[in-house]
Amino acid sequence: MAMGGILLQLPVLAATSAIGQTLFDGAKGNPAPSAALGWAGFLDLRFMAESLGILLLAAMLGAIIGFHPATKRRIDHLEEADMAHVFVMYAVIGAVIGVAVREYGTVVGVVVFGIGGLIRVRSSTDSARDTVRLITVTLAGLIAGLGLLPFAVMTTLFAFALIYFFDTSPACRIRIEGLPMDRAADCAAAYRELLKVHRCKIIAEHQSLEKKRIEFVFRLPRRSTRDHLDVALSGIAADLRGDVDWEIS
């Protein structure tokens, strides 16, 4: 949760020294927004095109870091499999904050600072992914209230598309226990091959022979479900089959 609060406070840090002088001085510190406000903003094609380009660029920059090739080799937990998606969403959130501050100046920075503190202290979410969604909808409401209606709609639709793209292929982890020690390699190969046959993208595999356990972290294909795959896993030959424990992000 602290991660979200810190990110929301970033736009304020650079402007802290000037807040006392120009915070509410429209002529000096907060020039009139360059974009058309209200419903008329939907006719401002220049601003809409520029804003969409900013969101796309931010998503791509976040993806460059989030999907770094070295990351896959370090994934040990299910939460880590979703961090690349979280990085992309945080990059988009940063872009939204940047556009709002650019259009309205330091006042918006202070507002975002307050919202970040409120989310950090008063809100409780179970995952970084839920925190990202909470921050996104808060910022969408904020910029809608500021009058940047087209950008609010664009931000919501853009986030909706990213969530749909990321969450229709959820990260899963199966832990197979009670395997025969003398056939551990064959058991792992059987489960690995079945996952590939069902078009699951294997992210990580861990074997613990002393505990008679194998773990796979993978992504379900978009057209498959846990129940469908669970039935397939139960069809593995009895001499290679173990007890399967599921976890889905």
C-alpha atoms as a PDB file:
ATOM      1  CA  MET A   1       0.000   0.000   0.000  1.00  0.00           C
ATOM      2  CA  ALA A   2       2.894   2.351   0.734  1.00  0.00           C
ATOM      3  CA  MET A   3       3.971   1.928  -2.893  1.00  0.00           C
ATOM      4  CA  GLY A   4       0.750   3.517  -4.130  1.00  0.00           C
ATOM      5  CA  GLY A   5       0.929   6.348  -1.622  1.00  0.00           C
ATOM      6  CA  ILE A   6       4.511   7.163  -2.516  1.00  0.00           C
ATOM      7  CA  LEU A   7       3.738   7.175  -6.250  1.00  0.00           C
ATOM      8  CA  LEU A   8       0.826   9.541  -5.803  1.00  0.00           C
ATOM      9  CA  GLN A   9       3.046  11.939  -3.855  1.00  0.00           C
ATOM     10  CA  LEU A  10       5.802  12.165  -6.492  1.00  0.00           C
ATOM     11  CA  PRO A  11       4.362  15.105  -8.493  1.00  0.00           C
ATOM     12  CA  VAL A  12       4.373  17.228  -5.359  1.00  0.00           C
ATOM     13  CA  LEU A  13       7.988  16.768  -4.371  1.00  0.00           C
ATOM     14  CA  ALA A  14       9.476  18.854  -7.172  1.00  0.00           C
ATOM     15  CA  ALA A  15       7.091  21.722  -6.499  1.00  0.00           C
ATOM     16  CA  THR A  16       7.296  21.790  -2.689  1.00  0.00           C
ATOM     17  CA  SER A  17       9.525  24.883  -2.503  1.00  0.00           C
ATOM     18  CA  ALA A  18       7.120  26.917  -4.619  1.00  0.00           C
ATOM     19  CA  ILE A  19       3.849  25.886  -3.003  1.00  0.00           C
ATOM     20  CA  GLY A  20       3.834  28.642  -0.401  1.00  0.00           C
ATOM     21  CA  GLN A  21       4.137  31.365  -3.057  1.00  0.00           C
ATOM     22  CA  THR A  22       2.066  30.154  -5.990  1.00  0.00           C
ATOM     23  CA  LEU A  23      -0.305  27.482  -4.724  1.00  0.00           C
ATOM     24  CA  PHE A  24      -3.541  29.340  -5.311  1.00  0.00           C
ATOM     25  CA  ASP A  25      -2.232  32.155  -7.486  1.00  0.00           C
ATOM     26  CA  GLY A  26      -3.925  31.536 -10.835  1.00  0.00           C
ATOM     27  CA  ALA A  27      -1.933  34.239 -12.611  1.00  0.00           C
ATOM     28  CA  LYS A  28       1.454  32.928 -11.532  1.00  0.00           C
ATOM     29  CA  GLY A  29       1.493  29.285 -10.498  1.00  0.00           C
ATOM     30  CA  ASN A  30      -1.606  27.800 -12.124  1.00  0.00           C
ATOM     31  CA  PRO A  31      -2.251  28.996 -15.673  1.00  0.00           C
ATOM     32  CA  ALA A  32      -5.522  28.215 -17.399  1.00  0.00           C
ATOM     33  CA  PRO A  33      -5.683  24.676 -18.777  1.00  0.00           C
ATOM     34  CA  SER A  34      -4.732  24.392 -22.432  1.00  0.00           C
ATOM     35  CA  ALA A  35      -7.431  21.776 -23.060  1.00  0.00           C
ATOM     36  CA  ALA A  36     -11.112  22.584 -23.502  1.00  0.00           C
ATOM     37  CA  LEU A  37     -13.016  21.825 -20.304  1.00  0.00           C
ATOM     38  CA  GLY A  38     -16.388  20.160 -19.815  1.00  0.00           C
ATOM     39  CA  TRP A  39     -18.290  18.351 -22.551  1.00  0.00           C
ATOM     40  CA  ALA A  40     -16.751  20.635 -25.162  1.00  0.00           C
ATOM     41  CA  GLY A  41     -13.477  18.861 -24.512  1.00  0.00           C
ATOM     42  CA  PHE A  42     -14.643  15.914 -26.617  1.00  0.00           C
ATOM     43  CA  LEU A  43     -14.279  18.184 -29.644  1.00  0.00           C
ATOM     44  CA  ASP A  44     -10.674  19.011 -28.760  1.00  0.00           C
ATOM     45  CA  LEU A  45      -9.131  16.371 -31.004  1.00  0.00           C
ATOM     46  CA  ARG A  46      -5.606  17.665 -30.498  1.00  0.00           C
ATOM     47  CA  PHE A  47      -5.727  17.154 -26.738  1.00  0.00           C
ATOM     48  CA  MET A  48      -7.424  13.767 -27.051  1.00  0.00           C
ATOM     49  CA  ALA A  49      -4.855  12.493 -29.553  1.00  0.00           C
ATOM     50  CA  GLU A  50      -1.975  13.825 -27.469  1.00  0.00           C
ATOM     51  CA  SER A  51      -3.366  12.287 -24.270  1.00  0.00           C
ATOM     52  CA  LEU A  52      -3.895   8.908 -25.901  1.00  0.00           C
ATOM     53  CA  GLY A  53      -0.329   8.991 -27.184  1.00  0.00           C
ATOM     54  CA  ILE A  54       0.919   9.755 -23.659  1.00  0.00           C
ATOM     55  CA  LEU A  55      -1.012   6.816 -22.178  1.00  0.00           C
ATOM     56  CA  LEU A  56       0.268   4.449 -24.861  1.00  0.00           C
ATOM     57  CA  LEU A  57       3.849   5.616 -24.409  1.00  0.00           C
ATOM     58  CA  ALA A  58       3.614   5.240 -20.624  1.00  0.00           C
ATOM     59  CA  ALA A  59       2.240   1.705 -20.995  1.00  0.00           C
ATOM     60  CA  MET A  60       5.068   0.766 -23.344  1.00  0.00           C
ATOM     61  CA  LEU A  61       7.727   2.243 -21.061  1.00  0.00           C
ATOM     62  CA  GLY A  62       6.293   0.354 -18.095  1.00  0.00           C
ATOM     63  CA  ALA A  63       6.201  -2.848 -20.146  1.00  0.00           C
ATOM     64  CA  ILE A  64       9.888  -2.485 -21.063  1.00  0.00           C
ATOM     65  CA  ILE A  65      10.810  -2.698 -17.391  1.00  0.00           C
ATOM     66  CA  GLY A  66       8.010  -5.005 -16.245  1.00  0.00           C
ATOM     67  CA  PHE A  67       8.616  -7.637 -18.915  1.00  0.00           C
ATOM     68  CA  HIS A  68      12.401  -7.551 -18.722  1.00  0.00           C
ATOM     69  CA  PRO A  69      13.765 -10.957 -19.866  1.00  0.00           C
ATOM     70  CA  ALA A  70      15.722 -11.394 -16.637  1.00  0.00           C
ATOM     71  CA  THR A  71      12.580 -11.160 -14.517  1.00  0.00           C
ATOM     72  CA  LYS A  72      11.266 -14.641 -15.325  1.00  0.00           C
ATOM     73  CA  ARG A  73      14.330 -16.296 -13.851  1.00  0.00           C
ATOM     74  CA  ARG A  74      13.638 -14.701 -10.473  1.00  0.00           C
ATOM     75  CA  ILE A  75       9.934 -15.554 -10.063  1.00  0.00           C
ATOM     76  CA  ASP A  76       9.418 -17.651  -6.923  1.00  0.00           C
ATOM     77  CA  HIS A  77       5.939 -16.595  -5.787  1.00  0.00           C
ATOM     78  CA  LEU A  78       2.602 -16.162  -7.505  1.00  0.00           C
ATOM     79  CA  GLU A  79       2.452 -12.438  -6.699  1.00  0.00           C
ATOM     80  CA  GLU A  80       5.691 -11.889  -8.598  1.00  0.00           C
ATOM     81  CA  ALA A  81       4.126 -13.288 -11.765  1.00  0.00           C
ATOM     82  CA  ASP A  82       1.688 -10.347 -11.839  1.00  0.00           C
ATOM     83  CA  MET A  83       4.200  -7.596 -11.043  1.00  0.00           C
ATOM     84  CA  ALA A  84       4.916  -6.881 -14.722  1.00  0.00           C
ATOM     85  CA  HIS A  85       1.257  -5.962 -15.190  1.00  0.00           C
ATOM     86  CA  VAL A  86       1.364  -3.817 -12.057  1.00  0.00           C
ATOM     87  CA  PHE A  87       4.373  -1.908 -13.393  1.00  0.00           C
ATOM     88  CA  VAL A  88       2.495  -1.094 -16.596  1.00  0.00           C
ATOM     89  CA  MET A  89      -0.533   0.159 -14.664  1.00  0.00           C
ATOM     90  CA  TYR A  90       1.613   2.316 -12.378  1.00  0.00           C
ATOM     91  CA  ALA A  91       3.311   3.847 -15.415  1.00  0.00           C
ATOM     92  CA  VAL A  92      -0.125   4.765 -16.780  1.00  0.00           C
ATOM     93  CA  ILE A  93      -1.105   6.238 -13.398  1.00  0.00           C
ATOM     94  CA  GLY A  94       2.035   8.359 -13.467  1.00  0.00           C
ATOM     95  CA  ALA A  95       1.116   9.633 -16.923  1.00  0.00           C
ATOM     96  CA  VAL A  96      -2.393  10.557 -15.763  1.00  0.00           C
ATOM     97  CA  ILE A  97      -0.968  12.491 -12.812  1.00  0.00           C
ATOM     98  CA  GLY A  98       1.512  14.227 -15.099  1.00  0.00           C
ATOM     99  CA  VAL A  99      -1.182  15.414 -17.522  1.00  0.00           C
ATOM    100  CA  ALA A 100      -3.392  16.664 -14.688  1.00  0.00           C
ATOM    101  CA  VAL A 101      -0.526  18.572 -13.045  1.00  0.00           C
ATOM    102  CA  ARG A 102       0.557  20.002 -16.403  1.00  0.00           C
ATOM    103  CA  GLU A 103      -2.939  21.339 -17.058  1.00  0.00           C
ATOM    104  CA  TYR A 104      -3.701  22.634 -13.554  1.00  0.00           C
ATOM    105  CA  GLY A 105      -0.345  23.201 -11.891  1.00  0.00           C
ATOM    106  CA  THR A 106       0.647  22.681  -8.264  1.00  0.00           C
ATOM    107  CA  VAL A 107      -2.881  22.716  -6.856  1.00  0.00           C
ATOM    108  CA  VAL A 108      -3.541  19.309  -8.375  1.00  0.00           C
ATOM    109  CA  GLY A 109      -0.222  18.098  -7.002  1.00  0.00           C
ATOM    110  CA  VAL A 110      -1.320  18.941  -3.474  1.00  0.00           C
ATOM    111  CA  VAL A 111      -4.716  17.302  -4.045  1.00  0.00           C
ATOM    112  CA  VAL A 112      -3.017  14.135  -5.291  1.00  0.00           C
ATOM    113  CA  PHE A 113      -0.721  14.275  -2.256  1.00  0.00           C
ATOM    114  CA  GLY A 114      -3.771  14.272   0.024  1.00  0.00           C
ATOM    115  CA  ILE A 115      -5.449  11.462  -1.883  1.00  0.00           C
ATOM    116  CA  GLY A 116      -2.290   9.368  -1.638  1.00  0.00           C
ATOM    117  CA  GLY A 117      -2.243   9.780   2.132  1.00  0.00           C
ATOM    118  CA  LEU A 118      -5.937   8.899   2.371  1.00  0.00           C
ATOM    119  CA  ILE A 119      -5.516   5.734   0.319  1.00  0.00           C
ATOM    120  CA  ARG A 120      -2.482   4.657   2.299  1.00  0.00           C
ATOM    121  CA  VAL A 121      -4.030   5.229   5.723  1.00  0.00           C
ATOM    122  CA  ARG A 122      -7.734   4.505   5.226  1.00  0.00           C
ATOM    123  CA  SER A 123      -7.872   1.844   2.520  1.00  0.00           C
ATOM    124  CA  SER A 124      -7.054  -1.832   2.760  1.00  0.00           C
ATOM    125  CA  THR A 125      -6.558  -4.002  -0.330  1.00  0.00           C
ATOM    126  CA  ASP A 126      -5.292  -7.549  -0.576  1.00  0.00           C
ATOM    127  CA  SER A 127      -2.916  -7.109  -3.509  1.00  0.00           C
ATOM    128  CA  ALA A 128      -0.893  -4.597  -5.478  1.00  0.00           C
ATOM    129  CA  ARG A 129      -3.266  -5.172  -8.390  1.00  0.00           C
ATOM    130  CA  ASP A 130      -6.263  -4.015  -6.332  1.00  0.00           C
ATOM    131  CA  THR A 131      -4.283  -1.006  -5.111  1.00  0.00           C
ATOM    132  CA  VAL A 132      -3.573  -0.002  -8.720  1.00  0.00           C
ATOM    133  CA  ARG A 133      -7.271  -0.185  -9.588  1.00  0.00           C
ATOM    134  CA  LEU A 134      -8.188   1.885  -6.534  1.00  0.00           C
ATOM    135  CA  ILE A 135      -5.713   4.603  -7.478  1.00  0.00           C
ATOM    136  CA  THR A 136      -6.843   4.535 -11.125  1.00  0.00           C
ATOM    137  CA  VAL A 137     -10.539   5.044 -10.381  1.00  0.00           C
ATOM    138  CA  THR A 138      -9.679   7.768  -7.860  1.00  0.00           C
ATOM    139  CA  LEU A 139      -7.648   9.660 -10.443  1.00  0.00           C
ATOM    140  CA  ALA A 140     -10.369   9.194 -13.073  1.00  0.00           C
ATOM    141  CA  GLY A 141     -12.876  10.765 -10.705  1.00  0.00           C
ATOM    142  CA  LEU A 142     -10.454  13.560  -9.848  1.00  0.00           C
ATOM    143  CA  ILE A 143      -9.772  14.615 -13.425  1.00  0.00           C
ATOM    144  CA  ALA A 144     -13.474  14.345 -14.228  1.00  0.00           C
ATOM    145  CA  GLY A 145     -14.177  16.741 -11.388  1.00  0.00           C
ATOM    146  CA  LEU A 146     -11.504  19.090 -12.717  1.00  0.00           C
ATOM    147  CA  GLY A 147     -13.374  19.290 -16.013  1.00  0.00           C
ATOM    148  CA  LEU A 148     -11.078  17.159 -18.181  1.00  0.00           C
ATOM    149  CA  LEU A 149     -13.989  14.899 -19.092  1.00  0.00           C
ATOM    150  CA  PRO A 150     -12.500  13.415 -22.280  1.00  0.00           C
ATOM    151  CA  PHE A 151      -9.291  12.506 -20.458  1.00  0.00           C
ATOM    152  CA  ALA A 152     -11.279  10.959 -17.594  1.00  0.00           C
ATOM    153  CA  VAL A 153     -13.223   8.796 -20.040  1.00  0.00           C
ATOM    154  CA  MET A 154     -10.059   7.944 -21.983  1.00  0.00           C
ATOM    155  CA  THR A 155      -8.215   6.973 -18.781  1.00  0.00           C
ATOM    156  CA  THR A 156     -11.064   4.715 -17.675  1.00  0.00           C
ATOM    157  CA  LEU A 157     -11.371   2.993 -21.057  1.00  0.00           C
ATOM    158  CA  PHE A 158      -7.603   2.600 -21.350  1.00  0.00           C
ATOM    159  CA  ALA A 159      -7.376   1.046 -17.875  1.00  0.00           C
ATOM    160  CA  PHE A 160     -10.382  -1.169 -18.667  1.00  0.00           C
ATOM    161  CA  ALA A 161      -8.633  -2.481 -21.779  1.00  0.00           C
ATOM    162  CA  LEU A 162      -5.396  -3.167 -19.888  1.00  0.00           C
ATOM    163  CA  ILE A 163      -7.230  -4.987 -17.082  1.00  0.00           C
ATOM    164  CA  TYR A 164      -9.132  -7.090 -19.609  1.00  0.00           C
ATOM    165  CA  PHE A 165      -5.921  -7.929 -21.466  1.00  0.00           C
ATOM    166  CA  PHE A 166      -4.020  -8.853 -18.310  1.00  0.00           C
ATOM    167  CA  ASP A 167      -6.706 -10.582 -16.215  1.00  0.00           C
ATOM    168  CA  THR A 168      -8.251 -12.858 -18.844  1.00  0.00           C
ATOM    169  CA  SER A 169      -5.063 -14.917 -18.597  1.00  0.00           C
ATOM    170  CA  PRO A 170      -4.572 -15.179 -14.806  1.00  0.00           C
ATOM    171  CA  ALA A 171      -1.425 -16.403 -13.147  1.00  0.00           C
ATOM    172  CA  CYS A 172      -1.830 -19.750 -11.366  1.00  0.00           C
ATOM    173  CA  ARG A 173       0.305 -21.957  -9.215  1.00  0.00           C
ATOM    174  CA  ILE A 174      -0.161 -25.669  -8.658  1.00  0.00           C
ATOM    175  CA  ARG A 175       1.697 -27.568  -5.982  1.00  0.00           C
ATOM    176  CA  ILE A 176       1.854 -31.334  -6.564  1.00  0.00           C
ATOM    177  CA  GLU A 177       2.723 -33.316  -3.440  1.00  0.00           C
ATOM    178  CA  GLY A 178       3.001 -36.967  -2.504  1.00  0.00           C
ATOM    179  CA  LEU A 179       5.004 -37.949  -5.583  1.00  0.00           C
ATOM    180  CA  PRO A 180       7.036 -41.163  -5.730  1.00  0.00           C
ATOM    181  CA  MET A 181      10.670 -40.298  -5.056  1.00  0.00           C
ATOM    182  CA  ASP A 182      12.067 -42.712  -7.616  1.00  0.00           C
ATOM    183  CA  ARG A 183       9.966 -41.238 -10.449  1.00  0.00           C
ATOM    184  CA  ALA A 184      10.061 -37.529  -9.598  1.00  0.00           C
ATOM    185  CA  ALA A 185      11.545 -36.562 -12.966  1.00  0.00           C
ATOM    186  CA  ASP A 186       8.901 -38.550 -14.848  1.00  0.00           C
ATOM    187  CA  CYS A 187       6.133 -36.966 -12.748  1.00  0.00           C
ATOM    188  CA  ALA A 188       7.416 -33.463 -13.473  1.00  0.00           C
ATOM    189  CA  ALA A 189       7.652 -34.245 -17.186  1.00  0.00           C
ATOM    190  CA  ALA A 190       4.088 -35.592 -17.233  1.00  0.00           C
ATOM    191  CA  TYR A 191       2.627 -32.491 -15.584  1.00  0.00           C
ATOM    192  CA  ARG A 192       4.768 -30.165 -17.679  1.00  0.00           C
ATOM    193  CA  GLU A 193       3.680 -31.817 -20.911  1.00  0.00           C
ATOM    194  CA  LEU A 194       0.006 -31.707 -19.936  1.00  0.00           C
ATOM    195  CA  LEU A 195       0.233 -27.970 -19.191  1.00  0.00           C
ATOM    196  CA  LYS A 196       1.828 -27.388 -22.586  1.00  0.00           C
ATOM    197  CA  VAL A 197      -0.809 -29.480 -24.354  1.00  0.00           C
ATOM    198  CA  HIS A 198      -3.483 -27.256 -22.794  1.00  0.00           C
ATOM    199  CA  ARG A 199      -1.576 -24.173 -24.001  1.00  0.00           C
ATOM    200  CA  CYS A 200      -0.617 -22.943 -20.544  1.00  0.00           C
ATOM    201  CA  LYS A 201       2.379 -20.609 -20.489  1.00  0.00           C
ATOM    202  CA  ILE A 202       4.778 -21.926 -17.856  1.00  0.00           C
ATOM    203  CA  ILE A 203       6.499 -19.075 -16.024  1.00  0.00           C
ATOM    204  CA  ALA A 204       8.459 -20.997 -13.400  1.00  0.00           C
ATOM    205  CA  GLU A 205       9.008 -24.553 -12.197  1.00  0.00           C
ATOM    206  CA  HIS A 206      10.421 -25.614  -8.841  1.00  0.00           C
ATOM    207  CA  GLN A 207      11.199 -29.132  -7.689  1.00  0.00           C
ATOM    208  CA  SER A 208      11.770 -30.216  -4.099  1.00  0.00           C
ATOM    209  CA  LEU A 209      12.637 -33.888  -4.219  1.00  0.00           C
ATOM    210  CA  GLU A 210      13.238 -34.189  -0.479  1.00  0.00           C
ATOM    211  CA  LYS A 211       9.661 -32.970   0.119  1.00  0.00           C
ATOM    212  CA  LYS A 212       8.269 -35.001  -2.783  1.00  0.00           C
ATOM    213  CA  ARG A 213       6.849 -31.800  -4.245  1.00  0.00           C
ATOM    214  CA  ILE A 214       6.788 -29.991  -7.588  1.00  0.00           C
ATOM    215  CA  GLU A 215       5.445 -26.476  -8.212  1.00  0.00           C
ATOM    216  CA  PHE A 216       4.476 -24.828 -11.481  1.00  0.00           C
ATOM    217  CA  VAL A 217       3.661 -21.141 -11.945  1.00  0.00           C
ATOM    218  CA  PHE A 218       1.862 -20.574 -15.236  1.00  0.00           C
ATOM    219  CA  ARG A 219      -0.818 -18.603 -17.034  1.00  0.00           C
ATOM    220  CA  LEU A 220      -4.100 -20.110 -18.083  1.00  0.00           C
ATOM    221  CA  PRO A 221      -4.998 -19.561 -21.743  1.00  0.00           C
ATOM    222  CA  ARG A 222      -7.829 -17.117 -22.317  1.00  0.00           C
ATOM    223  CA  ARG A 223     -10.309 -19.782 -23.363  1.00  0.00           C
ATOM    224  CA  SER A 224      -9.584 -22.225 -20.569  1.00  0.00           C
ATOM    225  CA  THR A 225     -10.704 -22.465 -16.942  1.00  0.00           C
ATOM    226  CA  ARG A 226      -9.318 -23.927 -13.752  1.00  0.00           C
ATOM    227  CA  ASP A 227     -12.049 -26.587 -13.624  1.00  0.00           C
ATOM    228  CA  HIS A 228     -11.280 -27.741 -17.164  1.00  0.00           C
ATOM    229  CA  LEU A 229      -7.566 -28.023 -16.459  1.00  0.00           C
ATOM    230  CA  ASP A 230      -8.149 -29.645 -13.073  1.00  0.00           C
ATOM    231  CA  VAL A 231     -10.081 -32.459 -14.747  1.00  0.00           C
ATOM    232  CA  ALA A 232      -7.204 -32.952 -17.187  1.00  0.00           C
ATOM    233  CA  LEU A 233      -4.663 -33.055 -14.349  1.00  0.00           C
ATOM    234  CA  SER A 234      -6.655 -35.755 -12.579  1.00  0.00           C
ATOM    235  CA  GLY A 235      -6.304 -37.904 -15.700  1.00  0.00           C
ATOM    236  CA  ILE A 236      -2.543 -38.298 -15.378  1.00  0.00           C
ATOM    237  CA  ALA A 237      -1.451 -41.903 -14.879  1.00  0.00           C
ATOM    238  CA  ALA A 238      -1.934 -43.042 -11.282  1.00  0.00           C
ATOM    239  CA  ASP A 239       1.736 -43.987 -10.815  1.00  0.00           C
ATOM    240  CA  LEU A 240       2.758 -40.415 -11.764  1.00  0.00           C
ATOM    241  CA  ARG A 241      -0.076 -38.488 -10.145  1.00  0.00           C
ATOM    242  CA  GLY A 242       0.126 -36.539  -6.887  1.00  0.00           C
ATOM    243  CA  ASP A 243      -2.151 -34.342  -4.801  1.00  0.00           C
ATOM    244  CA  VAL A 244      -2.699 -31.010  -6.595  1.00  0.00           C
ATOM    245  CA  ASP A 245      -3.171 -27.793  -4.607  1.00  0.00           C
ATOM    246  CA  TRP A 246      -4.264 -24.693  -6.591  1.00  0.00           C
ATOM    247  CA  GLU A 247      -3.613 -20.991  -6.126  1.00  0.00           C
ATOM    248  CA  ILE A 248      -4.890 -18.342  -8.555  1.00  0.00           C
ATOM    249  CA  SER A 249      -3.971 -14.665  -8.493  1.00  0.00           C
END
